[in-house]
Amino acid sequence: MADARVKDRAKQLARGQGDETEVTLSTGVRVRLHSVSGSLVEDVKDAIPFPKVPVVFIKEKEREEENPSDQGYLAAYEEVRNKRGNAVLDALLLFGLELLDGVPEGDWLKKLKFLERKGLLDLSGFDLEDDFDREYLYKRHVAVAGADLQTISPLQSLRPEEVARARRSFLGDAPRGADRGLRAEALDPDGDRDEPAAG
């Protein structure tokens, strides 16, 4: 879900100056970005394995072959894909985002409870009096909007300061004059900085 332009820009700025990792999300919530271990991300994904591709017997070939077009398999695959995406998002929220202003009081929790009463949200697995649970729920359902996924998704593969700089250059978090981006001609076709030949 990460915006490819932001990730590419982050790679371009990887060797630039400044290590600012604080950003304001589209919801107005201020956060500090942190790197998230790639092994953690892989482990949470691997905990939800994809279904096995079913096989079908082909008379003409007198043998069984995989049938990835099976409708039941496609539905199960999509369900697992969504669950794995949510698991990665949870890992990024828990380990990649630090709320700079803490969890506000407000009425956000009352609104979540209302949605639960309507049968639209399940909060049964959470202790609403526990600070950690409340922080997770605030991050998951209030602080991070869909527009912010392009900001947090790269945390699993890029350093936070690279993400923050890329975000500023595309989303206007800093004045245009502060953009230290590279000129297009300074990049090779892979999007990396061209280094001058030695000697």
N, C-alpha and C. Protein backbone atom coordinates (compact mmCIF):
# COMPACT_ATOMS: atom_id res chain seq x y z
N MET A 1 0.80 -1.20 0.00
CA MET A 1 0.00 0.00 0.00
C MET A 1 0.84 1.27 0.00
N ALA A 2 2.11 1.10 0.18
CA ALA A 2 2.97 2.28 0.21
C ALA A 2 3.03 2.91 -1.17
N ASP A 3 2.99 4.23 -1.22
CA ASP A 3 3.11 4.96 -2.47
C ASP A 3 4.52 4.73 -3.02
N ALA A 4 4.61 4.19 -4.23
CA ALA A 4 5.91 3.86 -4.82
C ALA A 4 6.79 5.10 -4.93
N ARG A 5 6.18 6.26 -5.20
CA ARG A 5 6.97 7.49 -5.33
C ARG A 5 7.66 7.84 -4.03
N VAL A 6 6.95 7.63 -2.91
CA VAL A 6 7.54 7.94 -1.61
C VAL A 6 8.69 7.00 -1.31
N LYS A 7 8.51 5.71 -1.59
CA LYS A 7 9.60 4.76 -1.34
C LYS A 7 10.80 5.06 -2.23
N ASP A 8 10.54 5.36 -3.48
CA ASP A 8 11.65 5.69 -4.39
C ASP A 8 12.37 6.94 -3.92
N ARG A 9 11.58 7.93 -3.49
CA ARG A 9 12.17 9.18 -3.01
C ARG A 9 13.02 8.92 -1.77
N ALA A 10 12.54 8.04 -0.90
CA ALA A 10 13.29 7.72 0.32
C ALA A 10 14.63 7.09 -0.03
N LYS A 11 14.65 6.23 -1.03
CA LYS A 11 15.92 5.62 -1.45
C LYS A 11 16.87 6.69 -2.00
N GLN A 12 16.32 7.64 -2.74
CA GLN A 12 17.14 8.70 -3.32
C GLN A 12 17.77 9.57 -2.23
N LEU A 13 17.01 9.76 -1.15
CA LEU A 13 17.48 10.65 -0.09
C LEU A 13 18.25 9.92 1.01
N ALA A 14 18.45 8.63 0.82
CA ALA A 14 19.06 7.82 1.89
C ALA A 14 20.41 8.36 2.35
N ARG A 15 21.16 8.98 1.42
CA ARG A 15 22.48 9.47 1.80
C ARG A 15 22.50 10.98 2.03
N GLY A 16 21.32 11.58 2.08
CA GLY A 16 21.23 13.02 2.28
C GLY A 16 21.45 13.41 3.72
N GLN A 17 21.23 14.68 4.02
CA GLN A 17 21.46 15.22 5.37
C GLN A 17 20.15 15.24 6.15
N GLY A 18 20.27 15.22 7.48
CA GLY A 18 19.11 15.35 8.36
C GLY A 18 18.51 14.02 8.72
N ASP A 19 18.23 13.83 10.00
CA ASP A 19 17.68 12.57 10.48
C ASP A 19 16.33 12.78 11.16
N GLU A 20 15.57 13.76 10.70
CA GLU A 20 14.27 14.03 11.31
C GLU A 20 13.34 12.85 11.11
N THR A 21 12.81 12.32 12.20
CA THR A 21 11.91 11.18 12.10
C THR A 21 10.52 11.50 12.64
N GLU A 22 10.26 12.75 12.97
CA GLU A 22 8.95 13.13 13.47
C GLU A 22 8.09 13.64 12.33
N VAL A 23 6.88 13.11 12.23
CA VAL A 23 5.95 13.54 11.19
C VAL A 23 4.57 13.75 11.79
N THR A 24 3.77 14.53 11.12
CA THR A 24 2.38 14.71 11.50
C THR A 24 1.54 13.95 10.49
N LEU A 25 0.76 13.00 10.98
CA LEU A 25 -0.07 12.18 10.11
C LEU A 25 -1.24 13.00 9.59
N SER A 26 -1.95 12.45 8.61
CA SER A 26 -3.07 13.18 8.01
C SER A 26 -4.18 13.46 9.01
N THR A 27 -4.19 12.72 10.10
CA THR A 27 -5.21 12.92 11.15
C THR A 27 -4.82 14.03 12.12
N GLY A 28 -3.61 14.58 11.95
CA GLY A 28 -3.13 15.61 12.85
C GLY A 28 -2.33 15.07 14.02
N VAL A 29 -2.20 13.76 14.11
CA VAL A 29 -1.46 13.13 15.21
C VAL A 29 0.03 13.17 14.90
N ARG A 30 0.82 13.64 15.88
CA ARG A 30 2.27 13.70 15.72
C ARG A 30 2.89 12.39 16.20
N VAL A 31 3.77 11.82 15.36
CA VAL A 31 4.43 10.55 15.71
C VAL A 31 5.91 10.62 15.40
N ARG A 32 6.66 9.76 16.06
CA ARG A 32 8.06 9.55 15.72
C ARG A 32 8.15 8.16 15.08
N LEU A 33 8.85 8.10 13.96
CA LEU A 33 8.99 6.84 13.23
C LEU A 33 10.20 6.05 13.73
N HIS A 34 10.04 4.74 13.78
CA HIS A 34 11.12 3.84 14.17
C HIS A 34 11.22 2.70 13.16
N SER A 35 12.43 2.22 12.93
CA SER A 35 12.60 1.06 12.07
C SER A 35 11.93 -0.15 12.70
N VAL A 36 11.42 -1.03 11.86
CA VAL A 36 10.80 -2.27 12.34
C VAL A 36 11.60 -3.43 11.77
N SER A 37 11.95 -4.35 12.63
CA SER A 37 12.76 -5.50 12.23
C SER A 37 12.10 -6.28 11.09
N GLY A 38 12.88 -6.51 10.04
CA GLY A 38 12.38 -7.30 8.92
C GLY A 38 12.01 -8.71 9.34
N SER A 39 12.76 -9.28 10.29
CA SER A 39 12.45 -10.64 10.73
C SER A 39 11.12 -10.68 11.48
N LEU A 40 10.80 -9.60 12.23
CA LEU A 40 9.50 -9.54 12.90
C LEU A 40 8.38 -9.53 11.88
N VAL A 41 8.53 -8.71 10.85
CA VAL A 41 7.51 -8.62 9.82
C VAL A 41 7.32 -9.97 9.14
N GLU A 42 8.42 -10.65 8.82
CA GLU A 42 8.32 -11.96 8.18
C GLU A 42 7.68 -12.99 9.11
N ASP A 43 8.03 -12.92 10.40
CA ASP A 43 7.47 -13.88 11.36
C ASP A 43 5.97 -13.72 11.51
N VAL A 44 5.48 -12.47 11.58
CA VAL A 44 4.03 -12.29 11.72
C VAL A 44 3.30 -12.73 10.46
N LYS A 45 3.94 -12.56 9.30
CA LYS A 45 3.31 -13.03 8.06
C LYS A 45 3.31 -14.56 8.01
N ASP A 46 4.45 -15.16 8.39
CA ASP A 46 4.56 -16.62 8.33
C ASP A 46 3.63 -17.32 9.30
N ALA A 47 3.19 -16.59 10.35
CA ALA A 47 2.26 -17.18 11.31
C ALA A 47 0.88 -17.40 10.69
N ILE A 48 0.65 -16.80 9.52
CA ILE A 48 -0.63 -16.96 8.82
C ILE A 48 -0.32 -17.52 7.43
N PRO A 49 -0.16 -18.83 7.32
CA PRO A 49 0.26 -19.42 6.03
C PRO A 49 -0.84 -19.37 4.98
N PHE A 50 -0.42 -19.28 3.74
CA PHE A 50 -1.37 -19.32 2.62
C PHE A 50 -1.91 -20.74 2.48
N PRO A 51 -3.13 -20.88 1.98
CA PRO A 51 -3.69 -22.22 1.78
C PRO A 51 -2.96 -22.95 0.66
N LYS A 52 -3.02 -24.26 0.72
CA LYS A 52 -2.40 -25.06 -0.35
C LYS A 52 -3.26 -24.99 -1.60
N VAL A 53 -2.59 -24.97 -2.73
CA VAL A 53 -3.31 -24.96 -4.00
C VAL A 53 -3.96 -26.33 -4.20
N PRO A 54 -5.26 -26.37 -4.46
CA PRO A 54 -5.91 -27.68 -4.65
C PRO A 54 -5.47 -28.32 -5.96
N VAL A 55 -5.61 -29.63 -6.02
CA VAL A 55 -5.25 -30.35 -7.24
C VAL A 55 -6.52 -30.95 -7.85
N VAL A 56 -6.47 -31.12 -9.15
CA VAL A 56 -7.59 -31.72 -9.89
C VAL A 56 -7.02 -32.76 -10.84
N PHE A 57 -7.76 -33.85 -11.03
CA PHE A 57 -7.31 -34.89 -11.94
C PHE A 57 -7.68 -34.52 -13.37
N ILE A 58 -6.67 -34.50 -14.26
CA ILE A 58 -6.88 -34.19 -15.67
C ILE A 58 -6.92 -35.49 -16.45
N LYS A 59 -8.10 -35.83 -16.97
CA LYS A 59 -8.26 -37.11 -17.68
C LYS A 59 -7.32 -37.22 -18.87
N GLU A 60 -7.29 -36.13 -19.65
CA GLU A 60 -6.48 -36.17 -20.88
C GLU A 60 -5.01 -36.44 -20.59
N LYS A 61 -4.53 -35.94 -19.46
CA LYS A 61 -3.12 -36.11 -19.11
C LYS A 61 -2.91 -37.28 -18.15
N GLU A 62 -4.01 -37.82 -17.64
CA GLU A 62 -3.97 -38.94 -16.71
C GLU A 62 -3.09 -38.66 -15.50
N ARG A 63 -3.24 -37.44 -14.98
CA ARG A 63 -2.49 -37.08 -13.78
C ARG A 63 -3.16 -35.89 -13.09
N GLU A 64 -2.74 -35.68 -11.83
CA GLU A 64 -3.26 -34.54 -11.08
C GLU A 64 -2.40 -33.31 -11.34
N GLU A 65 -3.07 -32.16 -11.39
CA GLU A 65 -2.36 -30.89 -11.54
C GLU A 65 -2.97 -29.86 -10.59
N GLU A 66 -2.15 -28.90 -10.20
CA GLU A 66 -2.65 -27.84 -9.34
C GLU A 66 -3.70 -27.01 -10.08
N ASN A 67 -4.71 -26.55 -9.30
CA ASN A 67 -5.77 -25.74 -9.88
C ASN A 67 -5.88 -24.42 -9.12
N PRO A 68 -5.00 -23.46 -9.45
CA PRO A 68 -5.02 -22.18 -8.74
C PRO A 68 -6.25 -21.33 -9.07
N SER A 69 -7.08 -21.76 -10.02
CA SER A 69 -8.29 -21.02 -10.39
C SER A 69 -9.51 -21.46 -9.59
N ASP A 70 -9.35 -22.44 -8.72
CA ASP A 70 -10.45 -22.92 -7.89
C ASP A 70 -11.03 -21.77 -7.08
N GLN A 71 -12.36 -21.57 -7.16
CA GLN A 71 -12.99 -20.42 -6.52
C GLN A 71 -12.85 -20.44 -5.00
N GLY A 72 -12.96 -21.62 -4.41
CA GLY A 72 -12.77 -21.73 -2.96
C GLY A 72 -11.37 -21.36 -2.55
N TYR A 73 -10.39 -21.79 -3.35
CA TYR A 73 -9.00 -21.46 -3.06
C TYR A 73 -8.76 -19.96 -3.20
N LEU A 74 -9.30 -19.36 -4.25
CA LEU A 74 -9.11 -17.92 -4.47
C LEU A 74 -9.70 -17.11 -3.32
N ALA A 75 -10.86 -17.53 -2.83
CA ALA A 75 -11.48 -16.82 -1.70
C ALA A 75 -10.64 -16.97 -0.44
N ALA A 76 -10.15 -18.20 -0.19
CA ALA A 76 -9.33 -18.45 0.99
C ALA A 76 -8.01 -17.69 0.89
N TYR A 77 -7.43 -17.65 -0.30
CA TYR A 77 -6.17 -16.93 -0.51
C TYR A 77 -6.33 -15.45 -0.21
N GLU A 78 -7.43 -14.87 -0.69
CA GLU A 78 -7.68 -13.44 -0.47
C GLU A 78 -7.89 -13.15 1.01
N GLU A 79 -8.57 -14.04 1.69
CA GLU A 79 -8.79 -13.86 3.13
C GLU A 79 -7.47 -13.89 3.89
N VAL A 80 -6.60 -14.85 3.54
CA VAL A 80 -5.29 -14.94 4.19
C VAL A 80 -4.43 -13.72 3.85
N ARG A 81 -4.50 -13.27 2.61
CA ARG A 81 -3.72 -12.09 2.20
C ARG A 81 -4.12 -10.88 3.05
N ASN A 82 -5.42 -10.72 3.28
CA ASN A 82 -5.89 -9.61 4.10
C ASN A 82 -5.44 -9.76 5.55
N LYS A 83 -5.49 -10.97 6.08
CA LYS A 83 -5.06 -11.20 7.46
C LYS A 83 -3.57 -10.93 7.61
N ARG A 84 -2.78 -11.34 6.63
CA ARG A 84 -1.34 -11.09 6.69
C ARG A 84 -1.05 -9.59 6.62
N GLY A 85 -1.79 -8.88 5.79
CA GLY A 85 -1.62 -7.43 5.70
C GLY A 85 -1.95 -6.75 7.02
N ASN A 86 -3.01 -7.20 7.67
CA ASN A 86 -3.37 -6.64 8.97
C ASN A 86 -2.33 -6.96 10.04
N ALA A 87 -1.75 -8.16 9.96
CA ALA A 87 -0.72 -8.53 10.93
C ALA A 87 0.52 -7.64 10.77
N VAL A 88 0.90 -7.37 9.53
CA VAL A 88 2.04 -6.48 9.28
C VAL A 88 1.72 -5.08 9.77
N LEU A 89 0.52 -4.61 9.50
CA LEU A 89 0.12 -3.28 9.96
C LEU A 89 0.21 -3.20 11.48
N ASP A 90 -0.26 -4.24 12.17
CA ASP A 90 -0.18 -4.25 13.63
C ASP A 90 1.27 -4.14 14.10
N ALA A 91 2.16 -4.90 13.46
CA ALA A 91 3.58 -4.85 13.84
C ALA A 91 4.15 -3.46 13.63
N LEU A 92 3.79 -2.83 12.51
CA LEU A 92 4.30 -1.48 12.22
C LEU A 92 3.75 -0.46 13.21
N LEU A 93 2.48 -0.60 13.57
CA LEU A 93 1.89 0.33 14.54
C LEU A 93 2.52 0.18 15.91
N LEU A 94 2.76 -1.07 16.32
CA LEU A 94 3.29 -1.31 17.65
C LEU A 94 4.76 -0.93 17.77
N PHE A 95 5.54 -1.25 16.75
CA PHE A 95 6.98 -1.05 16.83
C PHE A 95 7.50 0.15 16.03
N GLY A 96 6.72 0.63 15.08
CA GLY A 96 7.21 1.69 14.19
C GLY A 96 6.72 3.08 14.49
N LEU A 97 5.67 3.21 15.32
CA LEU A 97 5.09 4.52 15.59
C LEU A 97 5.08 4.82 17.09
N GLU A 98 5.67 5.94 17.44
CA GLU A 98 5.64 6.43 18.82
C GLU A 98 4.79 7.69 18.85
N LEU A 99 3.76 7.68 19.68
CA LEU A 99 2.89 8.86 19.79
C LEU A 99 3.60 9.93 20.59
N LEU A 100 3.86 11.07 19.98
CA LEU A 100 4.61 12.13 20.66
C LEU A 100 3.79 12.83 21.74
N ASP A 101 2.49 12.85 21.58
CA ASP A 101 1.63 13.52 22.55
C ASP A 101 0.81 12.55 23.39
N GLY A 102 1.16 11.27 23.32
CA GLY A 102 0.42 10.28 24.08
C GLY A 102 -0.97 10.05 23.52
N VAL A 103 -1.75 9.27 24.26
CA VAL A 103 -3.13 8.98 23.86
C VAL A 103 -4.06 10.02 24.49
N PRO A 104 -4.77 10.76 23.68
CA PRO A 104 -5.65 11.80 24.24
C PRO A 104 -6.87 11.21 24.93
N GLU A 105 -7.48 12.00 25.80
CA GLU A 105 -8.71 11.55 26.45
C GLU A 105 -9.83 11.57 25.41
N GLY A 106 -10.39 12.70 25.13
CA GLY A 106 -11.38 12.84 24.06
C GLY A 106 -12.52 11.83 24.14
N ASP A 107 -13.28 11.74 23.04
CA ASP A 107 -14.40 10.82 23.00
C ASP A 107 -14.18 9.69 22.00
N TRP A 108 -12.93 9.51 21.55
CA TRP A 108 -12.66 8.49 20.54
C TRP A 108 -13.01 7.09 21.04
N LEU A 109 -12.76 6.81 22.33
CA LEU A 109 -13.05 5.48 22.86
C LEU A 109 -14.56 5.26 22.95
N LYS A 110 -15.30 6.31 23.30
CA LYS A 110 -16.76 6.20 23.33
C LYS A 110 -17.30 5.85 21.95
N LYS A 111 -16.68 6.44 20.93
CA LYS A 111 -17.12 6.17 19.55
C LYS A 111 -16.83 4.73 19.16
N LEU A 112 -15.66 4.22 19.58
CA LEU A 112 -15.34 2.82 19.29
C LEU A 112 -16.33 1.89 20.00
N LYS A 113 -16.65 2.21 21.25
CA LYS A 113 -17.61 1.39 22.00
C LYS A 113 -18.99 1.42 21.34
N PHE A 114 -19.34 2.56 20.79
CA PHE A 114 -20.62 2.68 20.08
C PHE A 114 -20.64 1.75 18.87
N LEU A 115 -19.54 1.74 18.11
CA LEU A 115 -19.45 0.87 16.95
C LEU A 115 -19.53 -0.60 17.37
N GLU A 116 -18.95 -0.91 18.53
CA GLU A 116 -19.03 -2.28 19.03
C GLU A 116 -20.48 -2.64 19.36
N ARG A 117 -21.20 -1.73 20.01
CA ARG A 117 -22.61 -2.00 20.34
C ARG A 117 -23.45 -2.21 19.09
N LYS A 118 -23.06 -1.55 18.01
CA LYS A 118 -23.77 -1.71 16.74
C LYS A 118 -23.36 -3.00 16.01
N GLY A 119 -22.40 -3.74 16.58
CA GLY A 119 -21.94 -4.97 15.96
C GLY A 119 -20.96 -4.76 14.83
N LEU A 120 -20.37 -3.57 14.76
CA LEU A 120 -19.47 -3.22 13.67
C LEU A 120 -18.00 -3.33 14.05
N LEU A 121 -17.71 -3.56 15.33
CA LEU A 121 -16.34 -3.62 15.81
C LEU A 121 -16.29 -4.56 17.01
N ASP A 122 -15.24 -5.34 17.11
CA ASP A 122 -15.11 -6.27 18.23
C ASP A 122 -13.96 -5.83 19.12
N LEU A 123 -14.29 -5.38 20.32
CA LEU A 123 -13.27 -4.94 21.28
C LEU A 123 -13.12 -5.94 22.42
N SER A 124 -13.72 -7.12 22.27
CA SER A 124 -13.76 -8.08 23.38
C SER A 124 -12.37 -8.56 23.79
N GLY A 125 -11.41 -8.53 22.91
CA GLY A 125 -10.07 -9.01 23.25
C GLY A 125 -9.19 -7.96 23.90
N PHE A 126 -9.75 -6.80 24.22
CA PHE A 126 -8.96 -5.70 24.75
C PHE A 126 -9.43 -5.29 26.15
N ASP A 127 -8.45 -4.91 26.97
CA ASP A 127 -8.74 -4.35 28.29
C ASP A 127 -8.74 -2.83 28.12
N LEU A 128 -9.92 -2.24 28.12
CA LEU A 128 -10.03 -0.81 27.82
C LEU A 128 -9.51 0.06 28.95
N GLU A 129 -9.15 -0.55 30.08
CA GLU A 129 -8.54 0.20 31.18
C GLU A 129 -7.01 0.13 31.12
N ASP A 130 -6.48 -0.73 30.24
CA ASP A 130 -5.04 -0.92 30.13
C ASP A 130 -4.45 0.11 29.17
N ASP A 131 -3.39 0.79 29.61
CA ASP A 131 -2.79 1.85 28.79
C ASP A 131 -2.29 1.33 27.45
N PHE A 132 -1.67 0.15 27.45
CA PHE A 132 -1.11 -0.41 26.22
C PHE A 132 -2.22 -0.74 25.22
N ASP A 133 -3.28 -1.38 25.72
CA ASP A 133 -4.39 -1.72 24.83
C ASP A 133 -5.04 -0.47 24.26
N ARG A 134 -5.20 0.55 25.10
CA ARG A 134 -5.80 1.79 24.63
C ARG A 134 -4.92 2.47 23.58
N GLU A 135 -3.60 2.43 23.77
CA GLU A 135 -2.70 3.03 22.78
C GLU A 135 -2.80 2.31 21.46
N TYR A 136 -2.84 0.97 21.51
CA TYR A 136 -2.96 0.20 20.27
C TYR A 136 -4.27 0.56 19.55
N LEU A 137 -5.37 0.58 20.29
CA LEU A 137 -6.66 0.88 19.67
C LEU A 137 -6.67 2.29 19.08
N TYR A 138 -6.03 3.22 19.77
CA TYR A 138 -5.98 4.60 19.26
C TYR A 138 -5.17 4.66 17.96
N LYS A 139 -4.02 3.99 17.94
CA LYS A 139 -3.21 3.96 16.72
C LYS A 139 -3.98 3.29 15.59
N ARG A 140 -4.60 2.15 15.89
CA ARG A 140 -5.23 1.32 14.85
C ARG A 140 -6.47 1.97 14.26
N HIS A 141 -7.28 2.61 15.10
CA HIS A 141 -8.58 3.08 14.65
C HIS A 141 -8.73 4.59 14.56
N VAL A 142 -7.75 5.35 15.08
CA VAL A 142 -7.92 6.80 15.08
C VAL A 142 -6.72 7.52 14.46
N ALA A 143 -5.53 7.24 14.97
CA ALA A 143 -4.34 8.02 14.59
C ALA A 143 -3.94 7.83 13.13
N VAL A 144 -3.99 6.60 12.64
CA VAL A 144 -3.50 6.29 11.30
C VAL A 144 -4.67 6.11 10.34
N ALA A 145 -4.74 6.97 9.36
CA ALA A 145 -5.78 6.88 8.32
C ALA A 145 -5.19 6.20 7.09
N GLY A 146 -6.05 5.90 6.14
CA GLY A 146 -5.59 5.24 4.91
C GLY A 146 -4.49 6.02 4.21
N ALA A 147 -4.60 7.35 4.25
CA ALA A 147 -3.60 8.18 3.58
C ALA A 147 -2.23 8.07 4.22
N ASP A 148 -2.16 7.56 5.46
CA ASP A 148 -0.88 7.47 6.16
C ASP A 148 -0.16 6.15 5.92
N LEU A 149 -0.81 5.21 5.26
CA LEU A 149 -0.17 3.91 5.03
C LEU A 149 1.09 4.05 4.19
N GLN A 150 1.11 5.04 3.28
CA GLN A 150 2.31 5.24 2.46
C GLN A 150 3.47 5.74 3.31
N THR A 151 3.17 6.31 4.48
CA THR A 151 4.22 6.78 5.37
C THR A 151 4.77 5.66 6.22
N ILE A 152 3.90 4.77 6.72
CA ILE A 152 4.39 3.75 7.66
C ILE A 152 4.79 2.45 6.99
N SER A 153 4.25 2.15 5.81
CA SER A 153 4.60 0.88 5.16
C SER A 153 6.09 0.71 4.89
N PRO A 154 6.80 1.77 4.44
CA PRO A 154 8.24 1.60 4.18
C PRO A 154 9.08 1.35 5.43
N LEU A 155 8.52 1.50 6.63
CA LEU A 155 9.31 1.31 7.84
C LEU A 155 9.86 -0.10 7.95
N GLN A 156 9.27 -1.04 7.23
CA GLN A 156 9.76 -2.41 7.29
C GLN A 156 10.99 -2.63 6.42
N SER A 157 11.33 -1.64 5.58
CA SER A 157 12.49 -1.84 4.72
C SER A 157 13.42 -0.63 4.64
N LEU A 158 12.99 0.52 5.14
CA LEU A 158 13.81 1.73 5.06
C LEU A 158 14.00 2.32 6.44
N ARG A 159 15.07 3.10 6.60
CA ARG A 159 15.29 3.79 7.87
C ARG A 159 14.25 4.90 8.03
N PRO A 160 13.79 5.16 9.26
CA PRO A 160 12.75 6.16 9.48
C PRO A 160 13.08 7.53 8.92
N GLU A 161 14.34 7.95 9.02
CA GLU A 161 14.66 9.29 8.52
C GLU A 161 14.51 9.37 7.00
N GLU A 162 14.73 8.23 6.30
CA GLU A 162 14.53 8.22 4.86
C GLU A 162 13.06 8.39 4.53
N VAL A 163 12.21 7.70 5.28
CA VAL A 163 10.77 7.80 5.07
C VAL A 163 10.29 9.22 5.35
N ALA A 164 10.77 9.80 6.45
CA ALA A 164 10.34 11.15 6.83
C ALA A 164 10.74 12.17 5.77
N ARG A 165 11.98 12.07 5.28
CA ARG A 165 12.42 13.03 4.26
C ARG A 165 11.64 12.87 2.98
N ALA A 166 11.37 11.62 2.60
CA ALA A 166 10.60 11.38 1.38
C ALA A 166 9.20 11.92 1.53
N ARG A 167 8.63 11.73 2.70
CA ARG A 167 7.26 12.21 2.94
C ARG A 167 7.21 13.74 2.86
N ARG A 168 8.19 14.40 3.44
CA ARG A 168 8.20 15.87 3.41
C ARG A 168 8.28 16.37 1.98
N SER A 169 9.09 15.72 1.17
CA SER A 169 9.29 16.24 -0.19
C SER A 169 8.04 16.07 -1.05
N PHE A 170 7.20 15.06 -0.72
CA PHE A 170 6.00 14.84 -1.52
C PHE A 170 4.74 15.42 -0.89
N LEU A 171 4.68 15.44 0.43
CA LEU A 171 3.44 15.82 1.09
C LEU A 171 3.48 17.21 1.70
N GLY A 172 4.58 17.92 1.53
CA GLY A 172 4.62 19.31 1.94
C GLY A 172 4.78 19.53 3.43
N ASP A 173 5.40 18.60 4.16
CA ASP A 173 5.63 18.80 5.59
C ASP A 173 6.70 19.86 5.83
N ALA A 174 7.51 20.16 4.83
CA ALA A 174 8.56 21.17 4.98
C ALA A 174 8.43 22.15 3.82
N PRO A 175 8.90 23.38 4.00
CA PRO A 175 8.87 24.34 2.89
C PRO A 175 9.65 23.81 1.70
N ARG A 176 9.24 24.20 0.52
CA ARG A 176 9.86 23.71 -0.71
C ARG A 176 11.37 23.97 -0.73
N GLY A 177 11.80 25.10 -0.15
CA GLY A 177 13.21 25.43 -0.16
C GLY A 177 14.05 24.47 0.66
N ALA A 178 13.41 23.72 1.56
CA ALA A 178 14.15 22.79 2.41
C ALA A 178 14.36 21.45 1.75
N ASP A 179 13.77 21.26 0.57
CA ASP A 179 13.90 19.99 -0.13
C ASP A 179 15.34 19.81 -0.60
N ARG A 180 15.98 18.75 -0.10
CA ARG A 180 17.37 18.47 -0.51
C ARG A 180 17.41 17.33 -1.51
N GLY A 181 16.36 17.19 -2.30
CA GLY A 181 16.28 16.08 -3.24
C GLY A 181 17.35 16.15 -4.31
N LEU A 182 17.54 15.01 -4.95
CA LEU A 182 18.54 14.92 -6.01
C LEU A 182 17.91 15.30 -7.35
N ARG A 183 18.72 15.85 -8.23
CA ARG A 183 18.25 16.09 -9.59
C ARG A 183 18.09 14.75 -10.29
N ALA A 184 17.14 14.67 -11.21
CA ALA A 184 16.87 13.41 -11.89
C ALA A 184 18.12 12.88 -12.58
N GLU A 185 18.91 13.78 -13.14
CA GLU A 185 20.10 13.32 -13.86
C GLU A 185 21.18 12.76 -12.94
N ALA A 186 21.02 12.96 -11.62
CA ALA A 186 22.00 12.42 -10.67
C ALA A 186 21.70 10.98 -10.31
N LEU A 187 20.62 10.42 -10.87
CA LEU A 187 20.23 9.07 -10.54
C LEU A 187 20.47 8.14 -11.71
N ASP A 188 20.83 6.89 -11.38
CA ASP A 188 20.94 5.91 -12.44
C ASP A 188 19.54 5.31 -12.67
N PRO A 189 19.35 4.43 -13.64
CA PRO A 189 18.02 3.89 -13.94
C PRO A 189 17.37 3.18 -12.76
N ASP A 190 18.17 2.70 -11.78
CA ASP A 190 17.61 2.01 -10.62
C ASP A 190 17.06 2.99 -9.59
N GLY A 191 17.29 4.27 -9.77
CA GLY A 191 16.82 5.25 -8.81
C GLY A 191 17.81 5.52 -7.70
N ASP A 192 19.02 4.96 -7.80
CA ASP A 192 20.04 5.20 -6.79
C ASP A 192 20.93 6.35 -7.24
N ARG A 193 21.63 6.93 -6.27
CA ARG A 193 22.54 8.02 -6.60
C ARG A 193 23.73 7.48 -7.40
N ASP A 194 24.03 8.12 -8.53
CA ASP A 194 25.23 7.76 -9.28
C ASP A 194 26.45 8.25 -8.53
N GLU A 195 27.39 7.37 -8.30
CA GLU A 195 28.63 7.76 -7.63
C GLU A 195 29.70 8.01 -8.69
N PRO A 196 30.50 9.07 -8.54
CA PRO A 196 31.56 9.31 -9.53
C PRO A 196 32.57 8.18 -9.50
N ALA A 197 33.12 7.90 -10.63
CA ALA A 197 34.13 6.84 -10.71
C ALA A 197 35.36 7.24 -9.92
N ALA A 198 35.97 6.26 -9.26
CA ALA A 198 37.18 6.54 -8.47
C ALA A 198 38.34 6.80 -9.40
N GLY A 199 39.23 7.70 -8.89
CA GLY A 199 40.48 7.94 -9.62
C GLY A 199 40.29 8.91 -10.69
